[in-house]
PDB file of N, CA and C in Angstrom:
ATOM      1  N   MET A   1    -189.922 268.825  96.833  1.00  0.00           N
ATOM      2  CA  MET A   1    -190.292 267.461  96.537  1.00  0.00           C
ATOM      3  C   MET A   1    -189.095 266.744  95.940  1.00  0.00           C
ATOM      4  N   ALA A   2    -188.856 265.509  96.360  1.00  0.00           N
ATOM      5  CA  ALA A   2    -187.703 264.749  95.885  1.00  0.00           C
ATOM      6  C   ALA A   2    -187.961 264.223  94.480  1.00  0.00           C
ATOM      7  N   VAL A   3    -186.995 264.491  93.601  1.00  0.00           N
ATOM      8  CA  VAL A   3    -187.086 264.052  92.219  1.00  0.00           C
ATOM      9  C   VAL A   3    -185.814 263.286  91.893  1.00  0.00           C
ATOM     10  N   PRO A   4    -185.904 262.103  91.257  1.00  0.00           N
ATOM     11  CA  PRO A   4    -184.690 261.358  90.932  1.00  0.00           C
ATOM     12  C   PRO A   4    -183.813 262.124  89.949  1.00  0.00           C
ATOM     13  N   LYS A   5    -182.509 262.066  90.199  1.00  0.00           N
ATOM     14  CA  LYS A   5    -181.575 262.778  89.339  1.00  0.00           C
ATOM     15  C   LYS A   5    -181.377 262.061  88.018  1.00  0.00           C
ATOM     16  N   LYS A   6    -181.379 260.729  88.035  1.00  0.00           N
ATOM     17  CA  LYS A   6    -181.194 259.935  86.824  1.00  0.00           C
ATOM     18  C   LYS A   6    -182.402 259.028  86.621  1.00  0.00           C
ATOM     19  N   ARG A   7    -182.666 258.702  85.383  1.00  0.00           N
ATOM     20  CA  ARG A   7    -183.770 257.803  85.057  1.00  0.00           C
ATOM     21  C   ARG A   7    -183.403 256.380  85.470  1.00  0.00           C
ATOM     22  N   THR A   8    -184.368 255.650  86.023  1.00  0.00           N
ATOM     23  CA  THR A   8    -184.154 254.253  86.393  1.00  0.00           C
ATOM     24  C   THR A   8    -184.216 253.407  85.142  1.00  0.00           C
ATOM     25  N   SER A   9    -183.148 252.631  84.901  1.00  0.00           N
ATOM     26  CA  SER A   9    -183.118 251.805  83.696  1.00  0.00           C
ATOM     27  C   SER A   9    -184.114 250.656  83.820  1.00  0.00           C
ATOM     28  N   SER A  10    -184.480 250.084  82.678  1.00  0.00           N
ATOM     29  CA  SER A  10    -185.441 248.983  82.691  1.00  0.00           C
ATOM     30  C   SER A  10    -184.852 247.751  83.367  1.00  0.00           C
ATOM     31  N   ALA A  11    -183.548 247.544  83.236  1.00  0.00           N
ATOM     32  CA  ALA A  11    -182.927 246.385  83.890  1.00  0.00           C
ATOM     33  C   ALA A  11    -182.973 246.525  85.408  1.00  0.00           C
ATOM     34  N   ARG A  12    -182.675 247.714  85.913  1.00  0.00           N
ATOM     35  CA  ARG A  12    -182.708 247.940  87.351  1.00  0.00           C
ATOM     36  C   ARG A  12    -184.146 247.842  87.873  1.00  0.00           C
ATOM     37  N   ARG A  13    -185.080 248.382  87.101  1.00  0.00           N
ATOM     38  CA  ARG A  13    -186.487 248.305  87.488  1.00  0.00           C
ATOM     39  C   ARG A  13    -186.956 246.857  87.521  1.00  0.00           C
ATOM     40  N   ASP A  14    -186.587 246.060  86.516  1.00  0.00           N
ATOM     41  CA  ASP A  14    -187.033 244.673  86.456  1.00  0.00           C
ATOM     42  C   ASP A  14    -186.373 243.809  87.518  1.00  0.00           C
ATOM     43  N   LYS A  15    -185.114 244.118  87.874  1.00  0.00           N
ATOM     44  CA  LYS A  15    -184.454 243.383  88.957  1.00  0.00           C
ATOM     45  C   LYS A  15    -185.145 243.641  90.291  1.00  0.00           C
ATOM     46  N   ARG A  16    -185.617 244.849  90.484  1.00  0.00           N
ATOM     47  CA  ARG A  16    -186.327 245.177  91.716  1.00  0.00           C
ATOM     48  C   ARG A  16    -187.667 244.442  91.776  1.00  0.00           C
ATOM     49  N   ARG A  17    -188.319 244.294  90.643  1.00  0.00           N
ATOM     50  CA  ARG A  17    -189.628 243.634  90.596  1.00  0.00           C
ATOM     51  C   ARG A  17    -189.547 242.120  90.491  1.00  0.00           C
ATOM     52  N   ALA A  18    -188.347 241.555  90.453  1.00  0.00           N
ATOM     53  CA  ALA A  18    -188.198 240.114  90.243  1.00  0.00           C
ATOM     54  C   ALA A  18    -188.810 239.304  91.385  1.00  0.00           C
ATOM     55  N   ASN A  19    -188.745 239.814  92.597  1.00  0.00           N
ATOM     56  CA  ASN A  19    -189.281 239.084  93.749  1.00  0.00           C
ATOM     57  C   ASN A  19    -190.679 239.537  94.135  1.00  0.00           C
ATOM     58  N   HIS A  20    -191.272 240.412  93.367  1.00  0.00           N
ATOM     59  CA  HIS A  20    -192.606 240.909  93.660  1.00  0.00           C
ATOM     60  C   HIS A  20    -193.617 240.078  92.877  1.00  0.00           C
ATOM     61  N   LYS A  21    -193.998 238.947  93.444  1.00  0.00           N
ATOM     62  CA  LYS A  21    -194.892 238.027  92.749  1.00  0.00           C
ATOM     63  C   LYS A  21    -195.908 237.467  93.738  1.00  0.00           C
ATOM     64  N   ALA A  22    -196.906 236.839  93.199  1.00  0.00           N
ATOM     65  CA  ALA A  22    -197.946 236.239  94.032  1.00  0.00           C
ATOM     66  C   ALA A  22    -197.416 234.957  94.665  1.00  0.00           C
ATOM     67  N   GLY A  23    -197.810 234.723  95.897  1.00  0.00           N
ATOM     68  CA  GLY A  23    -197.385 233.523  96.604  1.00  0.00           C
ATOM     69  C   GLY A  23    -198.268 232.336  96.267  1.00  0.00           C
ATOM     70  N   LYS A  24    -197.853 231.170  96.746  1.00  0.00           N
ATOM     71  CA  LYS A  24    -198.640 229.961  96.538  1.00  0.00           C
ATOM     72  C   LYS A  24    -199.875 230.001  97.440  1.00  0.00           C
ATOM     73  N   PRO A  25    -200.996 229.478  96.976  1.00  0.00           N
ATOM     74  CA  PRO A  25    -202.186 229.471  97.830  1.00  0.00           C
ATOM     75  C   PRO A  25    -202.036 228.448  98.951  1.00  0.00           C
ATOM     76  N   ASN A  26    -202.549 228.799 100.121  1.00  0.00           N
ATOM     77  CA  ASN A  26    -202.538 227.880 101.249  1.00  0.00           C
ATOM     78  C   ASN A  26    -203.708 226.916 101.097  1.00  0.00           C
ATOM     79  N   LEU A  27    -203.418 225.651 100.893  1.00  0.00           N
ATOM     80  CA  LEU A  27    -204.463 224.650 100.709  1.00  0.00           C
ATOM     81  C   LEU A  27    -204.640 223.847 101.986  1.00  0.00           C
ATOM     82  N   ARG A  28    -205.843 223.406 102.220  1.00  0.00           N
ATOM     83  CA  ARG A  28    -206.135 222.529 103.349  1.00  0.00           C
ATOM     84  C   ARG A  28    -206.831 221.287 102.807  1.00  0.00           C
ATOM     85  N   ARG A  29    -206.839 220.236 103.574  1.00  0.00           N
ATOM     86  CA  ARG A  29    -207.515 218.995 103.195  1.00  0.00           C
ATOM     87  C   ARG A  29    -208.943 219.022 103.692  1.00  0.00           C
ATOM     88  N   CYS A  30    -209.866 218.662 102.826  1.00  0.00           N
ATOM     89  CA  CYS A  30    -211.268 218.575 103.222  1.00  0.00           C
ATOM     90  C   CYS A  30    -211.421 217.406 104.191  1.00  0.00           C
ATOM     91  N   PRO A  31    -212.093 217.597 105.328  1.00  0.00           N
ATOM     92  CA  PRO A  31    -212.215 216.485 106.273  1.00  0.00           C
ATOM     93  C   PRO A  31    -213.118 215.358 105.777  1.00  0.00           C
ATOM     94  N   ARG A  32    -213.963 215.639 104.786  1.00  0.00           N
ATOM     95  CA  ARG A  32    -214.870 214.594 104.296  1.00  0.00           C
ATOM     96  C   ARG A  32    -214.285 213.812 103.139  1.00  0.00           C
ATOM     97  N   CYS A  33    -213.804 214.511 102.099  1.00  0.00           N
ATOM     98  CA  CYS A  33    -213.322 213.802 100.907  1.00  0.00           C
ATOM     99  C   CYS A  33    -211.802 213.874 100.753  1.00  0.00           C
ATOM    100  N   HIS A  34    -211.122 214.638 101.614  1.00  0.00           N
ATOM    101  CA  HIS A  34    -209.662 214.747 101.645  1.00  0.00           C
ATOM    102  C   HIS A  34    -209.062 215.338 100.367  1.00  0.00           C
ATOM    103  N   SER A  35    -209.833 216.107  99.633  1.00  0.00           N
ATOM    104  CA  SER A  35    -209.276 216.785  98.464  1.00  0.00           C
ATOM    105  C   SER A  35    -208.809 218.173  98.893  1.00  0.00           C
ATOM    106  N   PRO A  36    -207.780 218.716  98.250  1.00  0.00           N
ATOM    107  CA  PRO A  36    -207.290 220.038  98.649  1.00  0.00           C
ATOM    108  C   PRO A  36    -208.265 221.137  98.238  1.00  0.00           C
ATOM    109  N   SER A  37    -208.456 222.105  99.129  1.00  0.00           N
ATOM    110  CA  SER A  37    -209.334 223.238  98.842  1.00  0.00           C
ATOM    111  C   SER A  37    -208.818 224.446  99.602  1.00  0.00           C
ATOM    112  N   LEU A  38    -209.281 225.624  99.224  1.00  0.00           N
ATOM    113  CA  LEU A  38    -208.880 226.848  99.888  1.00  0.00           C
ATOM    114  C   LEU A  38    -209.546 226.935 101.261  1.00  0.00           C
ATOM    115  N   PRO A  39    -208.875 227.517 102.250  1.00  0.00           N
ATOM    116  CA  PRO A  39    -209.487 227.625 103.570  1.00  0.00           C
ATOM    117  C   PRO A  39    -210.655 228.609 103.575  1.00  0.00           C
ATOM    118  N   HIS A  40    -211.633 228.357 104.425  1.00  0.00           N
ATOM    119  CA  HIS A  40    -212.835 229.179 104.586  1.00  0.00           C
ATOM    120  C   HIS A  40    -213.645 229.262 103.300  1.00  0.00           C
ATOM    121  N   ARG A  41    -213.615 228.217 102.492  1.00  0.00           N
ATOM    122  CA  ARG A  41    -214.407 228.133 101.264  1.00  0.00           C
ATOM    123  C   ARG A  41    -215.120 226.774 101.243  1.00  0.00           C
ATOM    124  N   VAL A  42    -216.167 226.689 100.453  1.00  0.00           N
ATOM    125  CA  VAL A  42    -216.871 225.425 100.272  1.00  0.00           C
ATOM    126  C   VAL A  42    -215.975 224.495  99.456  1.00  0.00           C
ATOM    127  N   CYS A  43    -215.929 223.227  99.820  1.00  0.00           N
ATOM    128  CA  CYS A  43    -215.122 222.248  99.094  1.00  0.00           C
ATOM    129  C   CYS A  43    -215.699 222.086  97.688  1.00  0.00           C
ATOM    130  N   PRO A  44    -214.884 222.274  96.642  1.00  0.00           N
ATOM    131  CA  PRO A  44    -215.430 222.165  95.284  1.00  0.00           C
ATOM    132  C   PRO A  44    -215.775 220.741  94.885  1.00  0.00           C
ATOM    133  N   THR A  45    -215.234 219.744  95.583  1.00  0.00           N
ATOM    134  CA  THR A  45    -215.483 218.358  95.219  1.00  0.00           C
ATOM    135  C   THR A  45    -216.767 217.825  95.839  1.00  0.00           C
ATOM    136  N   CYS A  46    -216.897 217.977  97.161  1.00  0.00           N
ATOM    137  CA  CYS A  46    -218.068 217.389  97.830  1.00  0.00           C
ATOM    138  C   CYS A  46    -219.099 218.429  98.259  1.00  0.00           C
ATOM    139  N   GLY A  47    -218.779 219.717  98.232  1.00  0.00           N
ATOM    140  CA  GLY A  47    -219.748 220.759  98.536  1.00  0.00           C
ATOM    141  C   GLY A  47    -220.047 220.942 100.005  1.00  0.00           C
ATOM    142  N   THR A  48    -219.117 220.582 100.892  1.00  0.00           N
ATOM    143  CA  THR A  48    -219.351 220.741 102.322  1.00  0.00           C
ATOM    144  C   THR A  48    -218.546 221.912 102.862  1.00  0.00           C
ATOM    145  N   TYR A  49    -219.052 222.490 103.936  1.00  0.00           N
ATOM    146  CA  TYR A  49    -218.341 223.537 104.656  1.00  0.00           C
ATOM    147  C   TYR A  49    -218.714 223.421 106.125  1.00  0.00           C
ATOM    148  N   ASP A  50    -217.727 223.370 106.984  1.00  0.00           N
ATOM    149  CA  ASP A  50    -217.908 223.307 108.431  1.00  0.00           C
ATOM    150  C   ASP A  50    -218.751 222.098 108.852  1.00  0.00           C
ATOM    151  N   GLY A  51    -218.536 220.974 108.177  1.00  0.00           N
ATOM    152  CA  GLY A  51    -219.194 219.736 108.551  1.00  0.00           C
ATOM    153  C   GLY A  51    -220.593 219.545 108.018  1.00  0.00           C
ATOM    154  N   ARG A  52    -221.101 220.475 107.234  1.00  0.00           N
ATOM    155  CA  ARG A  52    -222.450 220.304 106.680  1.00  0.00           C
ATOM    156  C   ARG A  52    -222.410 220.528 105.170  1.00  0.00           C
ATOM    157  N   GLU A  53    -223.359 219.914 104.475  1.00  0.00           N
ATOM    158  CA  GLU A  53    -223.412 220.026 103.022  1.00  0.00           C
ATOM    159  C   GLU A  53    -224.090 221.343 102.652  1.00  0.00           C
ATOM    160  N   VAL A  54    -223.358 222.184 101.945  1.00  0.00           N
ATOM    161  CA  VAL A  54    -223.857 223.498 101.569  1.00  0.00           C
ATOM    162  C   VAL A  54    -224.352 223.483 100.129  1.00  0.00           C
ATOM    163  N   VAL A  55    -223.594 222.844  99.259  1.00  0.00           N
ATOM    164  CA  VAL A  55    -223.932 222.764  97.848  1.00  0.00           C
ATOM    165  C   VAL A  55    -224.237 221.308  97.534  1.00  0.00           C
ATOM    166  N   SER A  56    -225.422 221.044  96.979  1.00  0.00           N
ATOM    167  CA  SER A  56    -225.760 219.662  96.642  1.00  0.00           C
ATOM    168  C   SER A  56    -225.196 219.333  95.269  1.00  0.00           C
ATOM    169  N   HIS A  57    -224.536 218.199  95.183  1.00  0.00           N
ATOM    170  CA  HIS A  57    -223.944 217.739  93.934  1.00  0.00           C
ATOM    171  C   HIS A  57    -224.729 216.553  93.425  1.00  0.00           C
ATOM    172  N   LYS A  58    -224.924 216.506  92.118  1.00  0.00           N
ATOM    173  CA  LYS A  58    -225.583 215.360  91.511  1.00  0.00           C
ATOM    174  C   LYS A  58    -224.501 214.331  91.198  1.00  0.00           C
ATOM    175  N   VAL A  59    -224.629 213.142  91.768  1.00  0.00           N
ATOM    176  CA  VAL A  59    -223.658 212.078  91.555  1.00  0.00           C
ATOM    177  C   VAL A  59    -224.050 211.326  90.301  1.00  0.00           C
ATOM    178  N   THR A  60    -223.133 211.243  89.351  1.00  0.00           N
ATOM    179  CA  THR A  60    -223.409 210.528  88.109  1.00  0.00           C
ATOM    180  C   THR A  60    -222.771 209.152  88.165  1.00  0.00           C
ATOM    181  N   ASP A  61    -223.416 208.200  87.534  1.00  0.00           N
ATOM    182  CA  ASP A  61    -222.904 206.838  87.480  1.00  0.00           C
ATOM    183  C   ASP A  61    -221.848 206.760  86.379  1.00  0.00           C
ATOM    184  N   PRO A  62    -220.590 206.429  86.704  1.00  0.00           N
ATOM    185  CA  PRO A  62    -219.546 206.422  85.687  1.00  0.00           C
ATOM    186  C   PRO A  62    -219.682 205.274  84.687  1.00  0.00           C
ATOM    187  N   THR A  63    -220.501 204.266  85.003  1.00  0.00           N
ATOM    188  CA  THR A  63    -220.644 203.127  84.075  1.00  0.00           C
ATOM    189  C   THR A  63    -221.596 203.460  82.945  1.00  0.00           C
ATOM    190  N   VAL A  64    -222.523 204.424  83.139  1.00  0.00           N
ATOM    191  CA  VAL A  64    -223.476 204.798  82.125  1.00  0.00           C
ATOM    192  C   VAL A  64    -222.931 206.012  81.373  1.00  0.00           C
ATOM    193  N   THR A  65    -222.848 205.911  80.063  1.00  0.00           N
ATOM    194  CA  THR A  65    -222.377 207.046  79.260  1.00  0.00           C
ATOM    195  C   THR A  65    -223.555 207.618  78.473  1.00  0.00           C
ATOM    196  N   SER A  66    -223.435 208.852  78.052  1.00  0.00           N
ATOM    197  CA  SER A  66    -224.516 209.495  77.338  1.00  0.00           C
ATOM    198  C   SER A  66    -224.626 208.971  75.902  1.00  0.00           C
ATOM    199  N   ALA A  67    -223.608 208.322  75.373  1.00  0.00           N
ATOM    200  CA  ALA A  67    -223.628 207.804  74.004  1.00  0.00           C
ATOM    201  C   ALA A  67    -224.417 206.494  73.904  1.00  0.00           C
ATOM    202  N   ASP A  68    -224.758 205.889  75.066  1.00  0.00           N
ATOM    203  CA  ASP A  68    -225.462 204.614  75.046  1.00  0.00           C
ATOM    204  C   ASP A  68    -226.916 204.767  74.626  1.00  0.00           C
ATOM    205  N   ASN A  69    -227.547 205.941  74.832  1.00  0.00           N
ATOM    206  CA  ASN A  69    -228.959 206.042  74.506  1.00  0.00           C
ATOM    207  C   ASN A  69    -229.172 206.417  73.105  1.00  0.00           C
TER     208      ASN A  69
END
């Protein structure tokens, strides 16, 4: 079995791992509300997927605040 002759230093180990990172997520535009979302997922803004509404969202009136009552 192959065994390293010398110990790998932390600097050499960290230089090797410098490019081992997570990539940027691929975002797509929602065809209904045009907000960015992950592909093959329900749009978090409008709740649609594949042209139909999957998650119903309650639309709140921005002019009415909860402190008014």
